[in-house]
Amino acid sequence: MKKILFSLILTLVTVQLFAQDNGVEMADKMRTDGKIYVVVACIVIILFGLLAYLFSIDKRLKKIEKENPTKN
């Protein structure tokens, strides 16, 4: 039931995003000013930072799991 509800919510969100027409004009304006590259660079930096953080957490978690093996 949760999966169906979640899928329905995501579908409604995407429909709402398609209804916005002024986004293309804003992107064209930012592209002509050269600011779109700054936005893309910021997004890429943030994503790389998040990925590095997740990999460091995974590495630490694996180290902890090796030190303390659980009994099954």
PDB file of N, CA and C in Angstrom:
ATOM      1  N   MET A   1       0.826  -1.193   0.000  1.00  0.00           N
ATOM      2  CA  MET A   1       0.000   0.000   0.000  1.00  0.00           C
ATOM      3  C   MET A   1       0.876   1.266   0.000  1.00  0.00           C
ATOM      4  N   LYS A   2       1.965   1.204   0.781  1.00  0.00           N
ATOM      5  CA  LYS A   2       2.852   2.368   0.846  1.00  0.00           C
ATOM      6  C   LYS A   2       3.503   2.645  -0.496  1.00  0.00           C
ATOM      7  N   LYS A   3       3.864   1.583  -1.216  1.00  0.00           N
ATOM      8  CA  LYS A   3       4.509   1.767  -2.516  1.00  0.00           C
ATOM      9  C   LYS A   3       3.557   2.422  -3.509  1.00  0.00           C
ATOM     10  N   ILE A   4       2.304   2.022  -3.481  1.00  0.00           N
ATOM     11  CA  ILE A   4       1.313   2.601  -4.393  1.00  0.00           C
ATOM     12  C   ILE A   4       1.092   4.070  -4.067  1.00  0.00           C
ATOM     13  N   LEU A   5       0.976   4.379  -2.782  1.00  0.00           N
ATOM     14  CA  LEU A   5       0.775   5.767  -2.369  1.00  0.00           C
ATOM     15  C   LEU A   5       1.988   6.623  -2.732  1.00  0.00           C
ATOM     16  N   PHE A   6       3.181   6.097  -2.497  1.00  0.00           N
ATOM     17  CA  PHE A   6       4.401   6.814  -2.834  1.00  0.00           C
ATOM     18  C   PHE A   6       4.498   7.056  -4.339  1.00  0.00           C
ATOM     19  N   SER A   7       4.151   6.049  -5.139  1.00  0.00           N
ATOM     20  CA  SER A   7       4.179   6.196  -6.602  1.00  0.00           C
ATOM     21  C   SER A   7       3.175   7.246  -7.062  1.00  0.00           C
ATOM     22  N   LEU A   8       2.009   7.261  -6.450  1.00  0.00           N
ATOM     23  CA  LEU A   8       0.984   8.242  -6.806  1.00  0.00           C
ATOM     24  C   LEU A   8       1.453   9.664  -6.485  1.00  0.00           C
ATOM     25  N   ILE A   9       2.080   9.833  -5.326  1.00  0.00           N
ATOM     26  CA  ILE A   9       2.586  11.156  -4.939  1.00  0.00           C
ATOM     27  C   ILE A   9       3.670  11.615  -5.906  1.00  0.00           C
ATOM     28  N   LEU A  10       4.591  10.718  -6.256  1.00  0.00           N
ATOM     29  CA  LEU A  10       5.649  11.090  -7.200  1.00  0.00           C
ATOM     30  C   LEU A  10       5.081  11.442  -8.573  1.00  0.00           C
ATOM     31  N   THR A  11       4.061  10.725  -9.003  1.00  0.00           N
ATOM     32  CA  THR A  11       3.424  11.025 -10.283  1.00  0.00           C
ATOM     33  C   THR A  11       2.791  12.406 -10.262  1.00  0.00           C
ATOM     34  N   LEU A  12       2.118  12.739  -9.173  1.00  0.00           N
ATOM     35  CA  LEU A  12       1.498  14.063  -9.062  1.00  0.00           C
ATOM     36  C   LEU A  12       2.546  15.170  -9.043  1.00  0.00           C
ATOM     37  N   VAL A  13       3.678  14.920  -8.409  1.00  0.00           N
ATOM     38  CA  VAL A  13       4.744  15.922  -8.366  1.00  0.00           C
ATOM     39  C   VAL A  13       5.305  16.153  -9.769  1.00  0.00           C
ATOM     40  N   THR A  14       5.512  15.087 -10.532  1.00  0.00           N
ATOM     41  CA  THR A  14       6.059  15.263 -11.873  1.00  0.00           C
ATOM     42  C   THR A  14       5.070  15.975 -12.786  1.00  0.00           C
ATOM     43  N   VAL A  15       3.791  15.720 -12.610  1.00  0.00           N
ATOM     44  CA  VAL A  15       2.782  16.414 -13.412  1.00  0.00           C
ATOM     45  C   VAL A  15       2.833  17.909 -13.099  1.00  0.00           C
ATOM     46  N   GLN A  16       3.013  18.246 -11.841  1.00  0.00           N
ATOM     47  CA  GLN A  16       3.106  19.650 -11.452  1.00  0.00           C
ATOM     48  C   GLN A  16       4.342  20.303 -12.064  1.00  0.00           C
ATOM     49  N   LEU A  17       5.438  19.575 -12.150  1.00  0.00           N
ATOM     50  CA  LEU A  17       6.652  20.139 -12.725  1.00  0.00           C
ATOM     51  C   LEU A  17       6.504  20.412 -14.217  1.00  0.00           C
ATOM     52  N   PHE A  18       5.756  19.587 -14.921  1.00  0.00           N
ATOM     53  CA  PHE A  18       5.542  19.807 -16.346  1.00  0.00           C
ATOM     54  C   PHE A  18       4.677  21.032 -16.602  1.00  0.00           C
ATOM     55  N   ALA A  19       3.924  21.473 -15.606  1.00  0.00           N
ATOM     56  CA  ALA A  19       3.019  22.604 -15.798  1.00  0.00           C
ATOM     57  C   ALA A  19       3.759  23.941 -15.758  1.00  0.00           C
ATOM     58  N   GLN A  20       5.000  23.962 -15.358  1.00  0.00           N
ATOM     59  CA  GLN A  20       5.742  25.207 -15.249  1.00  0.00           C
ATOM     60  C   GLN A  20       6.402  25.528 -16.585  1.00  0.00           C
ATOM     61  N   ASP A  21       5.941  26.600 -17.226  1.00  0.00           N
ATOM     62  CA  ASP A  21       6.469  26.991 -18.531  1.00  0.00           C
ATOM     63  C   ASP A  21       7.596  28.009 -18.436  1.00  0.00           C
ATOM     64  N   ASN A  22       7.628  28.780 -17.360  1.00  0.00           N
ATOM     65  CA  ASN A  22       8.622  29.851 -17.281  1.00  0.00           C
ATOM     66  C   ASN A  22      10.019  29.337 -16.955  1.00  0.00           C
ATOM     67  N   GLY A  23      10.192  28.079 -16.618  1.00  0.00           N
ATOM     68  CA  GLY A  23      11.501  27.523 -16.299  1.00  0.00           C
ATOM     69  C   GLY A  23      12.437  27.546 -17.485  1.00  0.00           C
ATOM     70  N   VAL A  24      11.916  27.354 -18.684  1.00  0.00           N
ATOM     71  CA  VAL A  24      12.750  27.346 -19.880  1.00  0.00           C
ATOM     72  C   VAL A  24      13.281  28.750 -20.154  1.00  0.00           C
ATOM     73  N   GLU A  25      12.453  29.744 -19.964  1.00  0.00           N
ATOM     74  CA  GLU A  25      12.894  31.121 -20.185  1.00  0.00           C
ATOM     75  C   GLU A  25      13.988  31.499 -19.196  1.00  0.00           C
ATOM     76  N   MET A  26      13.823  31.069 -17.950  1.00  0.00           N
ATOM     77  CA  MET A  26      14.815  31.372 -16.935  1.00  0.00           C
ATOM     78  C   MET A  26      16.131  30.674 -17.275  1.00  0.00           C
ATOM     79  N   ALA A  27      16.078  29.424 -17.725  1.00  0.00           N
ATOM     80  CA  ALA A  27      17.289  28.692 -18.081  1.00  0.00           C
ATOM     81  C   ALA A  27      17.971  29.339 -19.280  1.00  0.00           C
ATOM     82  N   ASP A  28      17.193  29.795 -20.253  1.00  0.00           N
ATOM     83  CA  ASP A  28      17.776  30.472 -21.413  1.00  0.00           C
ATOM     84  C   ASP A  28      18.464  31.771 -21.005  1.00  0.00           C
ATOM     85  N   LYS A  29      17.840  32.506 -20.111  1.00  0.00           N
ATOM     86  CA  LYS A  29      18.422  33.763 -19.628  1.00  0.00           C
ATOM     87  C   LYS A  29      19.720  33.488 -18.884  1.00  0.00           C
ATOM     88  N   MET A  30      19.708  32.463 -18.024  1.00  0.00           N
ATOM     89  CA  MET A  30      20.919  32.141 -17.268  1.00  0.00           C
ATOM     90  C   MET A  30      22.016  31.607 -18.192  1.00  0.00           C
ATOM     91  N   ARG A  31      21.620  30.897 -19.236  1.00  0.00           N
ATOM     92  CA  ARG A  31      22.599  30.363 -20.185  1.00  0.00           C
ATOM     93  C   ARG A  31      23.256  31.503 -20.960  1.00  0.00           C
ATOM     94  N   THR A  32      22.466  32.495 -21.372  1.00  0.00           N
ATOM     95  CA  THR A  32      23.046  33.615 -22.129  1.00  0.00           C
ATOM     96  C   THR A  32      23.959  34.464 -21.248  1.00  0.00           C
ATOM     97  N   ASP A  33      23.624  34.554 -19.945  1.00  0.00           N
ATOM     98  CA  ASP A  33      24.464  35.316 -19.018  1.00  0.00           C
ATOM     99  C   ASP A  33      25.677  34.517 -18.554  1.00  0.00           C
ATOM    100  N   GLY A  34      25.676  33.210 -18.807  1.00  0.00           N
ATOM    101  CA  GLY A  34      26.769  32.356 -18.370  1.00  0.00           C
ATOM    102  C   GLY A  34      26.642  31.897 -16.928  1.00  0.00           C
ATOM    103  N   LYS A  35      25.525  32.195 -16.284  1.00  0.00           N
ATOM    104  CA  LYS A  35      25.346  31.822 -14.881  1.00  0.00           C
ATOM    105  C   LYS A  35      24.935  30.365 -14.708  1.00  0.00           C
ATOM    106  N   ILE A  36      24.424  29.755 -15.753  1.00  0.00           N
ATOM    107  CA  ILE A  36      23.959  28.370 -15.645  1.00  0.00           C
ATOM    108  C   ILE A  36      25.129  27.448 -15.319  1.00  0.00           C
ATOM    109  N   TYR A  37      26.308  27.800 -15.784  1.00  0.00           N
ATOM    110  CA  TYR A  37      27.482  26.972 -15.521  1.00  0.00           C
ATOM    111  C   TYR A  37      27.881  27.035 -14.045  1.00  0.00           C
ATOM    112  N   VAL A  38      27.649  28.166 -13.426  1.00  0.00           N
ATOM    113  CA  VAL A  38      27.917  28.291 -11.989  1.00  0.00           C
ATOM    114  C   VAL A  38      26.951  27.407 -11.210  1.00  0.00           C
ATOM    115  N   VAL A  39      25.695  27.410 -11.614  1.00  0.00           N
ATOM    116  CA  VAL A  39      24.686  26.578 -10.950  1.00  0.00           C
ATOM    117  C   VAL A  39      25.034  25.101 -11.114  1.00  0.00           C
ATOM    118  N   VAL A  40      25.379  24.699 -12.323  1.00  0.00           N
ATOM    119  CA  VAL A  40      25.734  23.302 -12.573  1.00  0.00           C
ATOM    120  C   VAL A  40      26.977  22.924 -11.774  1.00  0.00           C
ATOM    121  N   ALA A  41      27.957  23.799 -11.716  1.00  0.00           N
ATOM    122  CA  ALA A  41      29.177  23.513 -10.956  1.00  0.00           C
ATOM    123  C   ALA A  41      28.873  23.346  -9.468  1.00  0.00           C
ATOM    124  N   CYS A  42      27.997  24.177  -8.932  1.00  0.00           N
ATOM    125  CA  CYS A  42      27.618  24.051  -7.520  1.00  0.00           C
ATOM    126  C   CYS A  42      26.907  22.733  -7.257  1.00  0.00           C
ATOM    127  N   ILE A  43      26.012  22.357  -8.139  1.00  0.00           N
ATOM    128  CA  ILE A  43      25.294  21.088  -7.976  1.00  0.00           C
ATOM    129  C   ILE A  43      26.260  19.914  -8.029  1.00  0.00           C
ATOM    130  N   VAL A  44      27.204  19.947  -8.953  1.00  0.00           N
ATOM    131  CA  VAL A  44      28.182  18.860  -9.080  1.00  0.00           C
ATOM    132  C   VAL A  44      29.054  18.776  -7.832  1.00  0.00           C
ATOM    133  N   ILE A  45      29.487  19.921  -7.314  1.00  0.00           N
ATOM    134  CA  ILE A  45      30.311  19.930  -6.103  1.00  0.00           C
ATOM    135  C   ILE A  45      29.538  19.349  -4.922  1.00  0.00           C
ATOM    136  N   ILE A  46      28.292  19.737  -4.780  1.00  0.00           N
ATOM    137  CA  ILE A  46      27.467  19.225  -3.683  1.00  0.00           C
ATOM    138  C   ILE A  46      27.276  17.718  -3.816  1.00  0.00           C
ATOM    139  N   LEU A  47      26.990  17.240  -5.025  1.00  0.00           N
ATOM    140  CA  LEU A  47      26.796  15.797  -5.220  1.00  0.00           C
ATOM    141  C   LEU A  47      28.075  15.013  -4.943  1.00  0.00           C
ATOM    142  N   PHE A  48      29.222  15.517  -5.396  1.00  0.00           N
ATOM    143  CA  PHE A  48      30.485  14.838  -5.115  1.00  0.00           C
ATOM    144  C   PHE A  48      30.769  14.821  -3.612  1.00  0.00           C
ATOM    145  N   GLY A  49      30.449  15.907  -2.930  1.00  0.00           N
ATOM    146  CA  GLY A  49      30.627  15.952  -1.477  1.00  0.00           C
ATOM    147  C   GLY A  49      29.758  14.928  -0.771  1.00  0.00           C
ATOM    148  N   LEU A  50      28.506  14.821  -1.199  1.00  0.00           N
ATOM    149  CA  LEU A  50      27.610  13.824  -0.605  1.00  0.00           C
ATOM    150  C   LEU A  50      28.098  12.410  -0.870  1.00  0.00           C
ATOM    151  N   LEU A  51      28.549  12.147  -2.095  1.00  0.00           N
ATOM    152  CA  LEU A  51      29.057  10.814  -2.420  1.00  0.00           C
ATOM    153  C   LEU A  51      30.309  10.487  -1.607  1.00  0.00           C
ATOM    154  N   ALA A  52      31.210  11.432  -1.468  1.00  0.00           N
ATOM    155  CA  ALA A  52      32.417  11.207  -0.674  1.00  0.00           C
ATOM    156  C   ALA A  52      32.050  10.926   0.780  1.00  0.00           C
ATOM    157  N   TYR A  53      31.078  11.659   1.306  1.00  0.00           N
ATOM    158  CA  TYR A  53      30.633  11.452   2.678  1.00  0.00           C
ATOM    159  C   TYR A  53      30.026  10.058   2.845  1.00  0.00           C
ATOM    160  N   LEU A  54      29.198   9.645   1.892  1.00  0.00           N
ATOM    161  CA  LEU A  54      28.582   8.322   1.974  1.00  0.00           C
ATOM    162  C   LEU A  54      29.624   7.209   1.895  1.00  0.00           C
ATOM    163  N   PHE A  55      30.615   7.352   1.018  1.00  0.00           N
ATOM    164  CA  PHE A  55      31.656   6.343   0.917  1.00  0.00           C
ATOM    165  C   PHE A  55      32.509   6.297   2.186  1.00  0.00           C
ATOM    166  N   SER A  56      32.756   7.452   2.794  1.00  0.00           N
ATOM    167  CA  SER A  56      33.541   7.445   4.036  1.00  0.00           C
ATOM    168  C   SER A  56      32.758   6.775   5.164  1.00  0.00           C
ATOM    169  N   ILE A  57      31.455   7.002   5.223  1.00  0.00           N
ATOM    170  CA  ILE A  57      30.622   6.332   6.225  1.00  0.00           C
ATOM    171  C   ILE A  57      30.626   4.825   5.980  1.00  0.00           C
ATOM    172  N   ASP A  58      30.521   4.428   4.725  1.00  0.00           N
ATOM    173  CA  ASP A  58      30.526   3.001   4.394  1.00  0.00           C
ATOM    174  C   ASP A  58      31.847   2.362   4.796  1.00  0.00           C
ATOM    175  N   LYS A  59      32.945   3.055   4.552  1.00  0.00           N
ATOM    176  CA  LYS A  59      34.268   2.531   4.898  1.00  0.00           C
ATOM    177  C   LYS A  59      34.398   2.360   6.409  1.00  0.00           C
ATOM    178  N   ARG A  60      33.942   3.356   7.160  1.00  0.00           N
ATOM    179  CA  ARG A  60      33.994   3.261   8.623  1.00  0.00           C
ATOM    180  C   ARG A  60      33.108   2.145   9.145  1.00  0.00           C
ATOM    181  N   LEU A  61      31.939   1.992   8.551  1.00  0.00           N
ATOM    182  CA  LEU A  61      31.004   0.952   8.984  1.00  0.00           C
ATOM    183  C   LEU A  61      31.577  -0.437   8.722  1.00  0.00           C
ATOM    184  N   LYS A  62      32.210  -0.622   7.579  1.00  0.00           N
ATOM    185  CA  LYS A  62      32.848  -1.909   7.289  1.00  0.00           C
ATOM    186  C   LYS A  62      33.960  -2.204   8.282  1.00  0.00           C
ATOM    187  N   LYS A  63      34.725  -1.166   8.661  1.00  0.00           N
ATOM    188  CA  LYS A  63      35.794  -1.343   9.639  1.00  0.00           C
ATOM    189  C   LYS A  63      35.227  -1.761  10.985  1.00  0.00           C
ATOM    190  N   ILE A  64      34.150  -1.141  11.401  1.00  0.00           N
ATOM    191  CA  ILE A  64      33.512  -1.485  12.673  1.00  0.00           C
ATOM    192  C   ILE A  64      32.954  -2.901  12.620  1.00  0.00           C
ATOM    193  N   GLU A  65      32.356  -3.275  11.489  1.00  0.00           N
ATOM    194  CA  GLU A  65      31.806  -4.618  11.364  1.00  0.00           C
ATOM    195  C   GLU A  65      32.909  -5.675  11.403  1.00  0.00           C
ATOM    196  N   LYS A  66      34.090  -5.382  10.853  1.00  0.00           N
ATOM    197  CA  LYS A  66      35.211  -6.330  10.925  1.00  0.00           C
ATOM    198  C   LYS A  66      35.707  -6.497  12.352  1.00  0.00           C
ATOM    199  N   GLU A  67      35.770  -5.397  13.101  1.00  0.00           N
ATOM    200  CA  GLU A  67      36.278  -5.442  14.468  1.00  0.00           C
ATOM    201  C   GLU A  67      35.316  -6.169  15.396  1.00  0.00           C
ATOM    202  N   ASN A  68      34.028  -6.034  15.170  1.00  0.00           N
ATOM    203  CA  ASN A  68      33.017  -6.630  16.047  1.00  0.00           C
ATOM    204  C   ASN A  68      32.118  -7.578  15.260  1.00  0.00           C
ATOM    205  N   PRO A  69      32.594  -8.772  14.985  1.00  0.00           N
ATOM    206  CA  PRO A  69      31.733  -9.704  14.230  1.00  0.00           C
ATOM    207  C   PRO A  69      30.544 -10.142  15.079  1.00  0.00           C
ATOM    208  N   THR A  70      29.404 -10.216  14.460  1.00  0.00           N
ATOM    209  CA  THR A  70      28.198 -10.622  15.185  1.00  0.00           C
ATOM    210  C   THR A  70      28.075 -12.139  15.154  1.00  0.00           C
ATOM    211  N   LYS A  71      27.493 -12.674  16.197  1.00  0.00           N
ATOM    212  CA  LYS A  71      27.281 -14.129  16.265  1.00  0.00           C
ATOM    213  C   LYS A  71      25.939 -14.458  15.658  1.00  0.00           C
ATOM    214  N   ASN A  72      25.911 -15.362  14.699  1.00  0.00           N
ATOM    215  CA  ASN A  72      24.665 -15.756  14.053  1.00  0.00           C
ATOM    216  C   ASN A  72      24.197 -17.090  14.566  1.00  0.00           C
TER     217      ASN A  72
END
